[in-house]
Amino acid sequence: HNDLILYCRLRIFYLIKNVRKQIQCNEYDRIQQEITEDGDIGTILIRIKKYQAAIDFNRRNYEKLLLNISKYPELKSLSHGVVRNYAQSLHEAFEASLKNSDVGNDPPYHYVEEAER
């Protein structure tokens, strides 16, 4: 049941994004809402174990924050959550790949390298 609820929440977030594209609103408010919602989407992707999608999505959200933070310094308050989500997606993917790696094979340290950047 839990996965179904998460998939439904994911679908609702995407519908909200599509509706927002049709509505004119303040640029700062739009960016803040997008970053917050994208953080929620990234969390859902982690919880449903779609790790590579979560990493890509959280990386794009982090990059979006960096691009807009100089124009809107108020967005800095969102940086903790965005960075945490990105790091969590890398950590969860690394942990899952350690569990799934064959004995003798190296675990995917590229997740660690990306986290260090």
PDB file of N, CA and C in Angstrom:
ATOM      1  N   HIS A   1       0.814  -1.206   0.000  1.00  0.00           N
ATOM      2  CA  HIS A   1       0.000   0.000   0.000  1.00  0.00           C
ATOM      3  C   HIS A   1       0.852   1.264   0.000  1.00  0.00           C
ATOM      4  N   ASN A   2       1.960   1.180   0.746  1.00  0.00           N
ATOM      5  CA  ASN A   2       2.798   2.356   0.876  1.00  0.00           C
ATOM      6  C   ASN A   2       3.365   2.804  -0.470  1.00  0.00           C
ATOM      7  N   ASP A   3       3.825   1.862  -1.296  1.00  0.00           N
ATOM      8  CA  ASP A   3       4.362   2.225  -2.609  1.00  0.00           C
ATOM      9  C   ASP A   3       3.293   2.855  -3.484  1.00  0.00           C
ATOM     10  N   LEU A   4       2.081   2.343  -3.420  1.00  0.00           N
ATOM     11  CA  LEU A   4       0.980   2.914  -4.201  1.00  0.00           C
ATOM     12  C   LEU A   4       0.727   4.359  -3.793  1.00  0.00           C
ATOM     13  N   ILE A   5       0.742   4.613  -2.510  1.00  0.00           N
ATOM     14  CA  ILE A   5       0.547   5.985  -2.013  1.00  0.00           C
ATOM     15  C   ILE A   5       1.664   6.884  -2.510  1.00  0.00           C
ATOM     16  N   LEU A   6       2.896   6.391  -2.459  1.00  0.00           N
ATOM     17  CA  LEU A   6       4.032   7.191  -2.928  1.00  0.00           C
ATOM     18  C   LEU A   6       3.934   7.481  -4.423  1.00  0.00           C
ATOM     19  N   TYR A   7       3.550   6.475  -5.211  1.00  0.00           N
ATOM     20  CA  TYR A   7       3.379   6.693  -6.650  1.00  0.00           C
ATOM     21  C   TYR A   7       2.265   7.703  -6.916  1.00  0.00           C
ATOM     22  N   CYS A   8       1.195   7.658  -6.141  1.00  0.00           N
ATOM     23  CA  CYS A   8       0.105   8.628  -6.298  1.00  0.00           C
ATOM     24  C   CYS A   8       0.579  10.040  -5.952  1.00  0.00           C
ATOM     25  N   ARG A   9       1.346  10.161  -4.871  1.00  0.00           N
ATOM     26  CA  ARG A   9       1.892  11.474  -4.498  1.00  0.00           C
ATOM     27  C   ARG A   9       2.803  12.001  -5.604  1.00  0.00           C
ATOM     28  N   LEU A  10       3.600  11.111  -6.175  1.00  0.00           N
ATOM     29  CA  LEU A  10       4.497  11.491  -7.260  1.00  0.00           C
ATOM     30  C   LEU A  10       3.697  12.024  -8.443  1.00  0.00           C
ATOM     31  N   ARG A  11       2.652  11.334  -8.794  1.00  0.00           N
ATOM     32  CA  ARG A  11       1.796  11.755  -9.911  1.00  0.00           C
ATOM     33  C   ARG A  11       1.141  13.109  -9.628  1.00  0.00           C
ATOM     34  N   ILE A  12       0.713  13.328  -8.400  1.00  0.00           N
ATOM     35  CA  ILE A  12       0.097  14.606  -8.024  1.00  0.00           C
ATOM     36  C   ILE A  12       1.105  15.741  -8.177  1.00  0.00           C
ATOM     37  N   PHE A  13       2.341  15.517  -7.739  1.00  0.00           N
ATOM     38  CA  PHE A  13       3.364  16.563  -7.890  1.00  0.00           C
ATOM     39  C   PHE A  13       3.586  16.914  -9.363  1.00  0.00           C
ATOM     40  N   TYR A  14       3.620  15.907 -10.232  1.00  0.00           N
ATOM     41  CA  TYR A  14       3.799  16.189 -11.656  1.00  0.00           C
ATOM     42  C   TYR A  14       2.602  16.917 -12.250  1.00  0.00           C
ATOM     43  N   LEU A  15       1.412  16.608 -11.801  1.00  0.00           N
ATOM     44  CA  LEU A  15       0.223  17.335 -12.262  1.00  0.00           C
ATOM     45  C   LEU A  15       0.272  18.794 -11.806  1.00  0.00           C
ATOM     46  N   ILE A  16       0.677  19.017 -10.571  1.00  0.00           N
ATOM     47  CA  ILE A  16       0.801  20.382 -10.054  1.00  0.00           C
ATOM     48  C   ILE A  16       1.815  21.167 -10.885  1.00  0.00           C
ATOM     49  N   LYS A  17       2.926  20.532 -11.226  1.00  0.00           N
ATOM     50  CA  LYS A  17       3.938  21.199 -12.055  1.00  0.00           C
ATOM     51  C   LYS A  17       3.360  21.607 -13.411  1.00  0.00           C
ATOM     52  N   ASN A  18       2.588  20.726 -14.017  1.00  0.00           N
ATOM     53  CA  ASN A  18       1.985  21.042 -15.313  1.00  0.00           C
ATOM     54  C   ASN A  18       0.978  22.175 -15.218  1.00  0.00           C
ATOM     55  N   VAL A  19       0.202  22.190 -14.165  1.00  0.00           N
ATOM     56  CA  VAL A  19      -0.780  23.269 -13.981  1.00  0.00           C
ATOM     57  C   VAL A  19      -0.065  24.593 -13.736  1.00  0.00           C
ATOM     58  N   ARG A  20       0.991  24.571 -12.926  1.00  0.00           N
ATOM     59  CA  ARG A  20       1.713  25.808 -12.609  1.00  0.00           C
ATOM     60  C   ARG A  20       2.305  26.454 -13.853  1.00  0.00           C
ATOM     61  N   LYS A  21       2.695  25.644 -14.842  1.00  0.00           N
ATOM     62  CA  LYS A  21       3.257  26.194 -16.073  1.00  0.00           C
ATOM     63  C   LYS A  21       2.250  27.097 -16.790  1.00  0.00           C
ATOM     64  N   GLN A  22       0.974  26.857 -16.550  1.00  0.00           N
ATOM     65  CA  GLN A  22      -0.080  27.624 -17.214  1.00  0.00           C
ATOM     66  C   GLN A  22      -0.492  28.860 -16.424  1.00  0.00           C
ATOM     67  N   ILE A  23       0.002  28.994 -15.206  1.00  0.00           N
ATOM     68  CA  ILE A  23      -0.390  30.103 -14.335  1.00  0.00           C
ATOM     69  C   ILE A  23       0.772  31.083 -14.213  1.00  0.00           C
ATOM     70  N   GLN A  24       0.473  32.356 -14.361  1.00  0.00           N
ATOM     71  CA  GLN A  24       1.485  33.392 -14.179  1.00  0.00           C
ATOM     72  C   GLN A  24       1.609  33.704 -12.697  1.00  0.00           C
ATOM     73  N   CYS A  25       2.831  33.639 -12.171  1.00  0.00           N
ATOM     74  CA  CYS A  25       3.045  34.020 -10.777  1.00  0.00           C
ATOM     75  C   CYS A  25       4.432  34.634 -10.638  1.00  0.00           C
ATOM     76  N   ASN A  26       4.680  35.185  -9.483  1.00  0.00           N
ATOM     77  CA  ASN A  26       5.941  35.818  -9.152  1.00  0.00           C
ATOM     78  C   ASN A  26       7.085  34.823  -9.367  1.00  0.00           C
ATOM     79  N   GLU A  27       8.174  35.253 -10.007  1.00  0.00           N
ATOM     80  CA  GLU A  27       9.274  34.345 -10.342  1.00  0.00           C
ATOM     81  C   GLU A  27       9.904  33.733  -9.093  1.00  0.00           C
ATOM     82  N   TYR A  28      10.127  34.534  -8.063  1.00  0.00           N
ATOM     83  CA  TYR A  28      10.722  34.013  -6.836  1.00  0.00           C
ATOM     84  C   TYR A  28       9.828  32.939  -6.219  1.00  0.00           C
ATOM     85  N   ASP A  29       8.528  33.210  -6.138  1.00  0.00           N
ATOM     86  CA  ASP A  29       7.591  32.236  -5.565  1.00  0.00           C
ATOM     87  C   ASP A  29       7.584  30.951  -6.381  1.00  0.00           C
ATOM     88  N   ARG A  30       7.619  31.081  -7.700  1.00  0.00           N
ATOM     89  CA  ARG A  30       7.618  29.909  -8.574  1.00  0.00           C
ATOM     90  C   ARG A  30       8.868  29.053  -8.348  1.00  0.00           C
ATOM     91  N   ILE A  31      10.031  29.706  -8.297  1.00  0.00           N
ATOM     92  CA  ILE A  31      11.287  28.986  -8.098  1.00  0.00           C
ATOM     93  C   ILE A  31      11.307  28.312  -6.727  1.00  0.00           C
ATOM     94  N   GLN A  32      10.867  29.029  -5.703  1.00  0.00           N
ATOM     95  CA  GLN A  32      10.835  28.462  -4.354  1.00  0.00           C
ATOM     96  C   GLN A  32       9.915  27.242  -4.295  1.00  0.00           C
ATOM     97  N   GLN A  33       8.743  27.342  -4.902  1.00  0.00           N
ATOM     98  CA  GLN A  33       7.809  26.219  -4.922  1.00  0.00           C
ATOM     99  C   GLN A  33       8.395  25.038  -5.686  1.00  0.00           C
ATOM    100  N   GLU A  34       9.027  25.312  -6.819  1.00  0.00           N
ATOM    101  CA  GLU A  34       9.632  24.238  -7.615  1.00  0.00           C
ATOM    102  C   GLU A  34      10.716  23.505  -6.841  1.00  0.00           C
ATOM    103  N   ILE A  35      11.588  24.255  -6.178  1.00  0.00           N
ATOM    104  CA  ILE A  35      12.678  23.635  -5.433  1.00  0.00           C
ATOM    105  C   ILE A  35      12.123  22.794  -4.284  1.00  0.00           C
ATOM    106  N   THR A  36      11.126  23.314  -3.590  1.00  0.00           N
ATOM    107  CA  THR A  36      10.508  22.575  -2.485  1.00  0.00           C
ATOM    108  C   THR A  36       9.829  21.309  -2.985  1.00  0.00           C
ATOM    109  N   GLU A  37       9.039  21.440  -4.050  1.00  0.00           N
ATOM    110  CA  GLU A  37       8.355  20.268  -4.608  1.00  0.00           C
ATOM    111  C   GLU A  37       9.347  19.262  -5.170  1.00  0.00           C
ATOM    112  N   ASP A  38      10.382  19.749  -5.824  1.00  0.00           N
ATOM    113  CA  ASP A  38      11.388  18.842  -6.374  1.00  0.00           C
ATOM    114  C   ASP A  38      12.101  18.082  -5.263  1.00  0.00           C
ATOM    115  N   GLY A  39      12.273  18.725  -4.111  1.00  0.00           N
ATOM    116  CA  GLY A  39      12.830  18.024  -2.953  1.00  0.00           C
ATOM    117  C   GLY A  39      11.920  16.896  -2.505  1.00  0.00           C
ATOM    118  N   ASP A  40      10.616  17.166  -2.496  1.00  0.00           N
ATOM    119  CA  ASP A  40       9.646  16.124  -2.129  1.00  0.00           C
ATOM    120  C   ASP A  40       9.659  14.983  -3.142  1.00  0.00           C
ATOM    121  N   ILE A  41       9.744  15.327  -4.414  1.00  0.00           N
ATOM    122  CA  ILE A  41       9.803  14.299  -5.461  1.00  0.00           C
ATOM    123  C   ILE A  41      11.070  13.461  -5.296  1.00  0.00           C
ATOM    124  N   GLY A  42      12.194  14.112  -5.036  1.00  0.00           N
ATOM    125  CA  GLY A  42      13.447  13.394  -4.823  1.00  0.00           C
ATOM    126  C   GLY A  42      13.362  12.427  -3.647  1.00  0.00           C
ATOM    127  N   THR A  43      12.700  12.851  -2.576  1.00  0.00           N
ATOM    128  CA  THR A  43      12.509  11.988  -1.414  1.00  0.00           C
ATOM    129  C   THR A  43      11.654  10.781  -1.757  1.00  0.00           C
ATOM    130  N   ILE A  44      10.601  11.008  -2.524  1.00  0.00           N
ATOM    131  CA  ILE A  44       9.732   9.898  -2.938  1.00  0.00           C
ATOM    132  C   ILE A  44      10.510   8.916  -3.797  1.00  0.00           C
ATOM    133  N   LEU A  45      11.314   9.409  -4.715  1.00  0.00           N
ATOM    134  CA  LEU A  45      12.108   8.525  -5.569  1.00  0.00           C
ATOM    135  C   LEU A  45      13.064   7.661  -4.743  1.00  0.00           C
ATOM    136  N   ILE A  46      13.620   8.238  -3.693  1.00  0.00           N
ATOM    137  CA  ILE A  46      14.487   7.459  -2.805  1.00  0.00           C
ATOM    138  C   ILE A  46      13.672   6.375  -2.103  1.00  0.00           C
ATOM    139  N   ARG A  47      12.517   6.753  -1.588  1.00  0.00           N
ATOM    140  CA  ARG A  47      11.700   5.800  -0.820  1.00  0.00           C
ATOM    141  C   ARG A  47      11.179   4.647  -1.671  1.00  0.00           C
ATOM    142  N   ILE A  48      10.971   4.896  -2.979  1.00  0.00           N
ATOM    143  CA  ILE A  48      10.514   3.794  -3.839  1.00  0.00           C
ATOM    144  C   ILE A  48      11.697   3.088  -4.513  1.00  0.00           C
ATOM    145  N   LYS A  49      12.901   3.423  -4.035  1.00  0.00           N
ATOM    146  CA  LYS A  49      14.143   2.766  -4.453  1.00  0.00           C
ATOM    147  C   LYS A  49      14.479   2.957  -5.935  1.00  0.00           C
ATOM    148  N   LYS A  50      14.131   4.100  -6.469  1.00  0.00           N
ATOM    149  CA  LYS A  50      14.531   4.489  -7.824  1.00  0.00           C
ATOM    150  C   LYS A  50      15.750   5.395  -7.668  1.00  0.00           C
ATOM    151  N   TYR A  51      16.866   4.763  -7.283  1.00  0.00           N
ATOM    152  CA  TYR A  51      18.027   5.523  -6.840  1.00  0.00           C
ATOM    153  C   TYR A  51      18.666   6.375  -7.927  1.00  0.00           C
ATOM    154  N   GLN A  52      18.846   5.835  -9.126  1.00  0.00           N
ATOM    155  CA  GLN A  52      19.495   6.635 -10.169  1.00  0.00           C
ATOM    156  C   GLN A  52      18.615   7.819 -10.554  1.00  0.00           C
ATOM    157  N   ALA A  53      17.309   7.608 -10.631  1.00  0.00           N
ATOM    158  CA  ALA A  53      16.390   8.720 -10.917  1.00  0.00           C
ATOM    159  C   ALA A  53      16.454   9.748  -9.795  1.00  0.00           C
ATOM    160  N   ALA A  54      16.544   9.276  -8.545  1.00  0.00           N
ATOM    161  CA  ALA A  54      16.631  10.188  -7.401  1.00  0.00           C
ATOM    162  C   ALA A  54      17.920  11.002  -7.458  1.00  0.00           C
ATOM    163  N   ILE A  55      19.026  10.349  -7.788  1.00  0.00           N
ATOM    164  CA  ILE A  55      20.305  11.061  -7.887  1.00  0.00           C
ATOM    165  C   ILE A  55      20.224  12.140  -8.966  1.00  0.00           C
ATOM    166  N   ASP A  56      19.744  11.773 -10.137  1.00  0.00           N
ATOM    167  CA  ASP A  56      19.654  12.738 -11.240  1.00  0.00           C
ATOM    168  C   ASP A  56      18.707  13.885 -10.887  1.00  0.00           C
ATOM    169  N   PHE A  57      17.575  13.553 -10.310  1.00  0.00           N
ATOM    170  CA  PHE A  57      16.582  14.569  -9.976  1.00  0.00           C
ATOM    171  C   PHE A  57      17.114  15.503  -8.895  1.00  0.00           C
ATOM    172  N   ASN A  58      17.730  14.938  -7.845  1.00  0.00           N
ATOM    173  CA  ASN A  58      18.254  15.765  -6.763  1.00  0.00           C
ATOM    174  C   ASN A  58      19.454  16.591  -7.210  1.00  0.00           C
ATOM    175  N   ARG A  59      20.253  16.062  -8.149  1.00  0.00           N
ATOM    176  CA  ARG A  59      21.363  16.849  -8.702  1.00  0.00           C
ATOM    177  C   ARG A  59      20.826  18.061  -9.461  1.00  0.00           C
ATOM    178  N   ARG A  60      19.812  17.840 -10.284  1.00  0.00           N
ATOM    179  CA  ARG A  60      19.221  18.968 -11.033  1.00  0.00           C
ATOM    180  C   ARG A  60      18.610  19.996 -10.089  1.00  0.00           C
ATOM    181  N   ASN A  61      17.983  19.533  -9.010  1.00  0.00           N
ATOM    182  CA  ASN A  61      17.410  20.465  -8.049  1.00  0.00           C
ATOM    183  C   ASN A  61      18.510  21.274  -7.366  1.00  0.00           C
ATOM    184  N   TYR A  62      19.618  20.631  -7.029  1.00  0.00           N
ATOM    185  CA  TYR A  62      20.761  21.319  -6.435  1.00  0.00           C
ATOM    186  C   TYR A  62      21.318  22.361  -7.409  1.00  0.00           C
ATOM    187  N   GLU A  63      21.451  21.974  -8.676  1.00  0.00           N
ATOM    188  CA  GLU A  63      21.950  22.911  -9.684  1.00  0.00           C
ATOM    189  C   GLU A  63      20.989  24.080  -9.883  1.00  0.00           C
ATOM    190  N   LYS A  64      19.691  23.818  -9.837  1.00  0.00           N
ATOM    191  CA  LYS A  64      18.693  24.877  -9.953  1.00  0.00           C
ATOM    192  C   LYS A  64      18.826  25.863  -8.796  1.00  0.00           C
ATOM    193  N   LEU A  65      19.039  25.327  -7.600  1.00  0.00           N
ATOM    194  CA  LEU A  65      19.225  26.183  -6.430  1.00  0.00           C
ATOM    195  C   LEU A  65      20.465  27.056  -6.610  1.00  0.00           C
ATOM    196  N   LEU A  66      21.582  26.462  -7.038  1.00  0.00           N
ATOM    197  CA  LEU A  66      22.817  27.226  -7.223  1.00  0.00           C
ATOM    198  C   LEU A  66      22.663  28.319  -8.268  1.00  0.00           C
ATOM    199  N   LEU A  67      21.929  28.019  -9.344  1.00  0.00           N
ATOM    200  CA  LEU A  67      21.727  29.013 -10.397  1.00  0.00           C
ATOM    201  C   LEU A  67      20.910  30.211  -9.918  1.00  0.00           C
ATOM    202  N   ASN A  68      19.990  29.983  -9.009  1.00  0.00           N
ATOM    203  CA  ASN A  68      19.070  31.039  -8.600  1.00  0.00           C
ATOM    204  C   ASN A  68      19.414  31.703  -7.280  1.00  0.00           C
ATOM    205  N   ILE A  69      20.359  31.150  -6.542  1.00  0.00           N
ATOM    206  CA  ILE A  69      20.643  31.668  -5.209  1.00  0.00           C
ATOM    207  C   ILE A  69      21.295  33.053  -5.244  1.00  0.00           C
ATOM    208  N   SER A  70      22.058  33.348  -6.290  1.00  0.00           N
ATOM    209  CA  SER A  70      22.675  34.681  -6.365  1.00  0.00           C
ATOM    210  C   SER A  70      21.632  35.750  -6.664  1.00  0.00           C
ATOM    211  N   LYS A  71      20.621  35.398  -7.442  1.00  0.00           N
ATOM    212  CA  LYS A  71      19.555  36.347  -7.757  1.00  0.00           C
ATOM    213  C   LYS A  71      18.578  36.482  -6.592  1.00  0.00           C
ATOM    214  N   TYR A  72      18.340  35.382  -5.896  1.00  0.00           N
ATOM    215  CA  TYR A  72      17.402  35.356  -4.774  1.00  0.00           C
ATOM    216  C   TYR A  72      18.093  34.744  -3.550  1.00  0.00           C
ATOM    217  N   PRO A  73      18.850  35.542  -2.796  1.00  0.00           N
ATOM    218  CA  PRO A  73      19.575  35.017  -1.632  1.00  0.00           C
ATOM    219  C   PRO A  73      18.658  34.356  -0.596  1.00  0.00           C
ATOM    220  N   GLU A  74      17.366  34.707  -0.617  1.00  0.00           N
ATOM    221  CA  GLU A  74      16.414  34.113   0.333  1.00  0.00           C
ATOM    222  C   GLU A  74      16.308  32.595   0.133  1.00  0.00           C
ATOM    223  N   LEU A  75      16.668  32.124  -1.060  1.00  0.00           N
ATOM    224  CA  LEU A  75      16.593  30.687  -1.346  1.00  0.00           C
ATOM    225  C   LEU A  75      17.621  29.886  -0.561  1.00  0.00           C
ATOM    226  N   LYS A  76      18.599  30.580   0.028  1.00  0.00           N
ATOM    227  CA  LYS A  76      19.637  29.889   0.786  1.00  0.00           C
ATOM    228  C   LYS A  76      19.038  29.071   1.924  1.00  0.00           C
ATOM    229  N   SER A  77      17.875  29.481   2.410  1.00  0.00           N
ATOM    230  CA  SER A  77      17.229  28.737   3.495  1.00  0.00           C
ATOM    231  C   SER A  77      16.819  27.335   3.051  1.00  0.00           C
ATOM    232  N   LEU A  78      16.701  27.110   1.745  1.00  0.00           N
ATOM    233  CA  LEU A  78      16.325  25.796   1.225  1.00  0.00           C
ATOM    234  C   LEU A  78      17.535  24.895   0.984  1.00  0.00           C
ATOM    235  N   SER A  79      18.734  25.462   1.069  1.00  0.00           N
ATOM    236  CA  SER A  79      19.928  24.718   0.673  1.00  0.00           C
ATOM    237  C   SER A  79      20.173  23.484   1.536  1.00  0.00           C
ATOM    238  N   HIS A  80      19.877  23.551   2.824  1.00  0.00           N
ATOM    239  CA  HIS A  80      20.111  22.402   3.701  1.00  0.00           C
ATOM    240  C   HIS A  80      19.309  21.186   3.220  1.00  0.00           C
ATOM    241  N   GLY A  81      18.039  21.378   2.955  1.00  0.00           N
ATOM    242  CA  GLY A  81      17.184  20.276   2.502  1.00  0.00           C
ATOM    243  C   GLY A  81      17.593  19.744   1.144  1.00  0.00           C
ATOM    244  N   VAL A  82      17.972  20.632   0.246  1.00  0.00           N
ATOM    245  CA  VAL A  82      18.363  20.225  -1.103  1.00  0.00           C
ATOM    246  C   VAL A  82      19.650  19.399  -1.060  1.00  0.00           C
ATOM    247  N   VAL A  83      20.637  19.864  -0.315  1.00  0.00           N
ATOM    248  CA  VAL A  83      21.899  19.148  -0.203  1.00  0.00           C
ATOM    249  C   VAL A  83      21.687  17.808   0.513  1.00  0.00           C
ATOM    250  N   ARG A  84      20.865  17.805   1.557  1.00  0.00           N
ATOM    251  CA  ARG A  84      20.583  16.569   2.294  1.00  0.00           C
ATOM    252  C   ARG A  84      19.941  15.530   1.382  1.00  0.00           C
ATOM    253  N   ASN A  85      18.959  15.947   0.571  1.00  0.00           N
ATOM    254  CA  ASN A  85      18.302  15.019  -0.351  1.00  0.00           C
ATOM    255  C   ASN A  85      19.291  14.441  -1.362  1.00  0.00           C
ATOM    256  N   TYR A  86      20.132  15.300  -1.899  1.00  0.00           N
ATOM    257  CA  TYR A  86      21.115  14.859  -2.884  1.00  0.00           C
ATOM    258  C   TYR A  86      22.071  13.849  -2.247  1.00  0.00           C
ATOM    259  N   ALA A  87      22.577  14.186  -1.061  1.00  0.00           N
ATOM    260  CA  ALA A  87      23.503  13.290  -0.365  1.00  0.00           C
ATOM    261  C   ALA A  87      22.812  11.983   0.017  1.00  0.00           C
ATOM    262  N   GLN A  88      21.566  12.068   0.452  1.00  0.00           N
ATOM    263  CA  GLN A  88      20.844  10.859   0.833  1.00  0.00           C
ATOM    264  C   GLN A  88      20.633   9.942  -0.366  1.00  0.00           C
ATOM    265  N   SER A  89      20.329  10.528  -1.529  1.00  0.00           N
ATOM    266  CA  SER A  89      20.129   9.691  -2.715  1.00  0.00           C
ATOM    267  C   SER A  89      21.425   8.979  -3.092  1.00  0.00           C
ATOM    268  N   LEU A  90      22.565   9.658  -2.976  1.00  0.00           N
ATOM    269  CA  LEU A  90      23.852   9.027  -3.261  1.00  0.00           C
ATOM    270  C   LEU A  90      24.162   7.930  -2.234  1.00  0.00           C
ATOM    271  N   HIS A  91      23.900   8.218  -0.975  1.00  0.00           N
ATOM    272  CA  HIS A  91      24.168   7.249   0.084  1.00  0.00           C
ATOM    273  C   HIS A  91      23.304   5.995  -0.069  1.00  0.00           C
ATOM    274  N   GLU A  92      22.008   6.190  -0.310  1.00  0.00           N
ATOM    275  CA  GLU A  92      21.095   5.050  -0.450  1.00  0.00           C
ATOM    276  C   GLU A  92      21.485   4.190  -1.661  1.00  0.00           C
ATOM    277  N   ALA A  93      21.862   4.849  -2.752  1.00  0.00           N
ATOM    278  CA  ALA A  93      22.284   4.094  -3.941  1.00  0.00           C
ATOM    279  C   ALA A  93      23.551   3.309  -3.657  1.00  0.00           C
ATOM    280  N   PHE A  94      24.483   3.917  -2.945  1.00  0.00           N
ATOM    281  CA  PHE A  94      25.729   3.240  -2.598  1.00  0.00           C
ATOM    282  C   PHE A  94      25.453   2.040  -1.698  1.00  0.00           C
ATOM    283  N   GLU A  95      24.612   2.236  -0.670  1.00  0.00           N
ATOM    284  CA  GLU A  95      24.273   1.144   0.239  1.00  0.00           C
ATOM    285  C   GLU A  95      23.584  -0.004  -0.496  1.00  0.00           C
ATOM    286  N   ALA A  96      22.644   0.332  -1.370  1.00  0.00           N
ATOM    287  CA  ALA A  96      21.930  -0.704  -2.118  1.00  0.00           C
ATOM    288  C   ALA A  96      22.875  -1.455  -3.046  1.00  0.00           C
ATOM    289  N   SER A  97      23.812  -0.739  -3.655  1.00  0.00           N
ATOM    290  CA  SER A  97      24.737  -1.401  -4.569  1.00  0.00           C
ATOM    291  C   SER A  97      25.740  -2.270  -3.815  1.00  0.00           C
ATOM    292  N   LEU A  98      26.071  -1.884  -2.577  1.00  0.00           N
ATOM    293  CA  LEU A  98      26.936  -2.738  -1.754  1.00  0.00           C
ATOM    294  C   LEU A  98      26.244  -4.061  -1.456  1.00  0.00           C
ATOM    295  N   LYS A  99      24.974  -4.003  -1.146  1.00  0.00           N
ATOM    296  CA  LYS A  99      24.206  -5.210  -0.845  1.00  0.00           C
ATOM    297  C   LYS A  99      24.060  -6.102  -2.073  1.00  0.00           C
ATOM    298  N   ASN A 100      23.970  -5.481  -3.247  1.00  0.00           N
ATOM    299  CA  ASN A 100      23.728  -6.230  -4.478  1.00  0.00           C
ATOM    300  C   ASN A 100      25.003  -6.611  -5.224  1.00  0.00           C
ATOM    301  N   SER A 101      26.156  -6.118  -4.781  1.00  0.00           N
ATOM    302  CA  SER A 101      27.389  -6.411  -5.525  1.00  0.00           C
ATOM    303  C   SER A 101      27.840  -7.842  -5.245  1.00  0.00           C
ATOM    304  N   ASP A 102      28.411  -8.448  -6.251  1.00  0.00           N
ATOM    305  CA  ASP A 102      28.926  -9.808  -6.116  1.00  0.00           C
ATOM    306  C   ASP A 102      30.199  -9.793  -5.277  1.00  0.00           C
ATOM    307  N   VAL A 103      30.446 -10.888  -4.607  1.00  0.00           N
ATOM    308  CA  VAL A 103      31.681 -11.015  -3.821  1.00  0.00           C
ATOM    309  C   VAL A 103      32.860 -10.922  -4.776  1.00  0.00           C
ATOM    310  N   GLY A 104      33.821 -10.091  -4.429  1.00  0.00           N
ATOM    311  CA  GLY A 104      34.998  -9.951  -5.273  1.00  0.00           C
ATOM    312  C   GLY A 104      34.920  -8.748  -6.199  1.00  0.00           C
ATOM    313  N   ASN A 105      33.727  -8.255  -6.476  1.00  0.00           N
ATOM    314  CA  ASN A 105      33.598  -7.063  -7.321  1.00  0.00           C
ATOM    315  C   ASN A 105      33.717  -5.814  -6.455  1.00  0.00           C
ATOM    316  N   ASP A 106      34.282  -4.796  -7.018  1.00  0.00           N
ATOM    317  CA  ASP A 106      34.380  -3.532  -6.286  1.00  0.00           C
ATOM    318  C   ASP A 106      33.009  -2.875  -6.223  1.00  0.00           C
ATOM    319  N   PRO A 107      32.661  -2.325  -5.065  1.00  0.00           N
ATOM    320  CA  PRO A 107      31.402  -1.580  -5.001  1.00  0.00           C
ATOM    321  C   PRO A 107      31.512  -0.306  -5.833  1.00  0.00           C
ATOM    322  N   PRO A 108      30.411   0.268  -6.216  1.00  0.00           N
ATOM    323  CA  PRO A 108      30.427   1.445  -7.108  1.00  0.00           C
ATOM    324  C   PRO A 108      30.853   2.712  -6.370  1.00  0.00           C
ATOM    325  N   TYR A 109      32.158   2.925  -6.301  1.00  0.00           N
ATOM    326  CA  TYR A 109      32.673   4.081  -5.582  1.00  0.00           C
ATOM    327  C   TYR A 109      32.415   5.395  -6.307  1.00  0.00           C
ATOM    328  N   HIS A 110      31.878   5.345  -7.535  1.00  0.00           N
ATOM    329  CA  HIS A 110      31.567   6.595  -8.229  1.00  0.00           C
ATOM    330  C   HIS A 110      30.503   7.391  -7.475  1.00  0.00           C
ATOM    331  N   TYR A 111      29.659   6.712  -6.692  1.00  0.00           N
ATOM    332  CA  TYR A 111      28.682   7.432  -5.864  1.00  0.00           C
ATOM    333  C   TYR A 111      29.395   8.252  -4.795  1.00  0.00           C
ATOM    334  N   VAL A 112      30.439   7.667  -4.211  1.00  0.00           N
ATOM    335  CA  VAL A 112      31.205   8.365  -3.194  1.00  0.00           C
ATOM    336  C   VAL A 112      31.924   9.557  -3.812  1.00  0.00           C
ATOM    337  N   GLU A 113      32.514   9.350  -4.982  1.00  0.00           N
ATOM    338  CA  GLU A 113      33.217  10.443  -5.663  1.00  0.00           C
ATOM    339  C   GLU A 113      32.279  11.596  -5.963  1.00  0.00           C
ATOM    340  N   GLU A 114      31.061  11.259  -6.430  1.00  0.00           N
ATOM    341  CA  GLU A 114      30.088  12.321  -6.722  1.00  0.00           C
ATOM    342  C   GLU A 114      29.687  13.042  -5.449  1.00  0.00           C
ATOM    343  N   ALA A 115      29.517  12.299  -4.355  1.00  0.00           N
ATOM    344  CA  ALA A 115      29.141  12.913  -3.067  1.00  0.00           C
ATOM    345  C   ALA A 115      30.232  13.841  -2.576  1.00  0.00           C
ATOM    346  N   GLU A 116      31.483  13.494  -2.819  1.00  0.00           N
ATOM    347  CA  GLU A 116      32.585  14.343  -2.367  1.00  0.00           C
ATOM    348  C   GLU A 116      32.646  15.653  -3.130  1.00  0.00           C
ATOM    349  N   ARG A 117      32.192  15.645  -4.401  1.00  0.00           N
ATOM    350  CA  ARG A 117      32.190  16.893  -5.162  1.00  0.00           C
ATOM    351  C   ARG A 117      31.173  17.809  -4.558  1.00  0.00           C
TER     352      ARG A 117
END
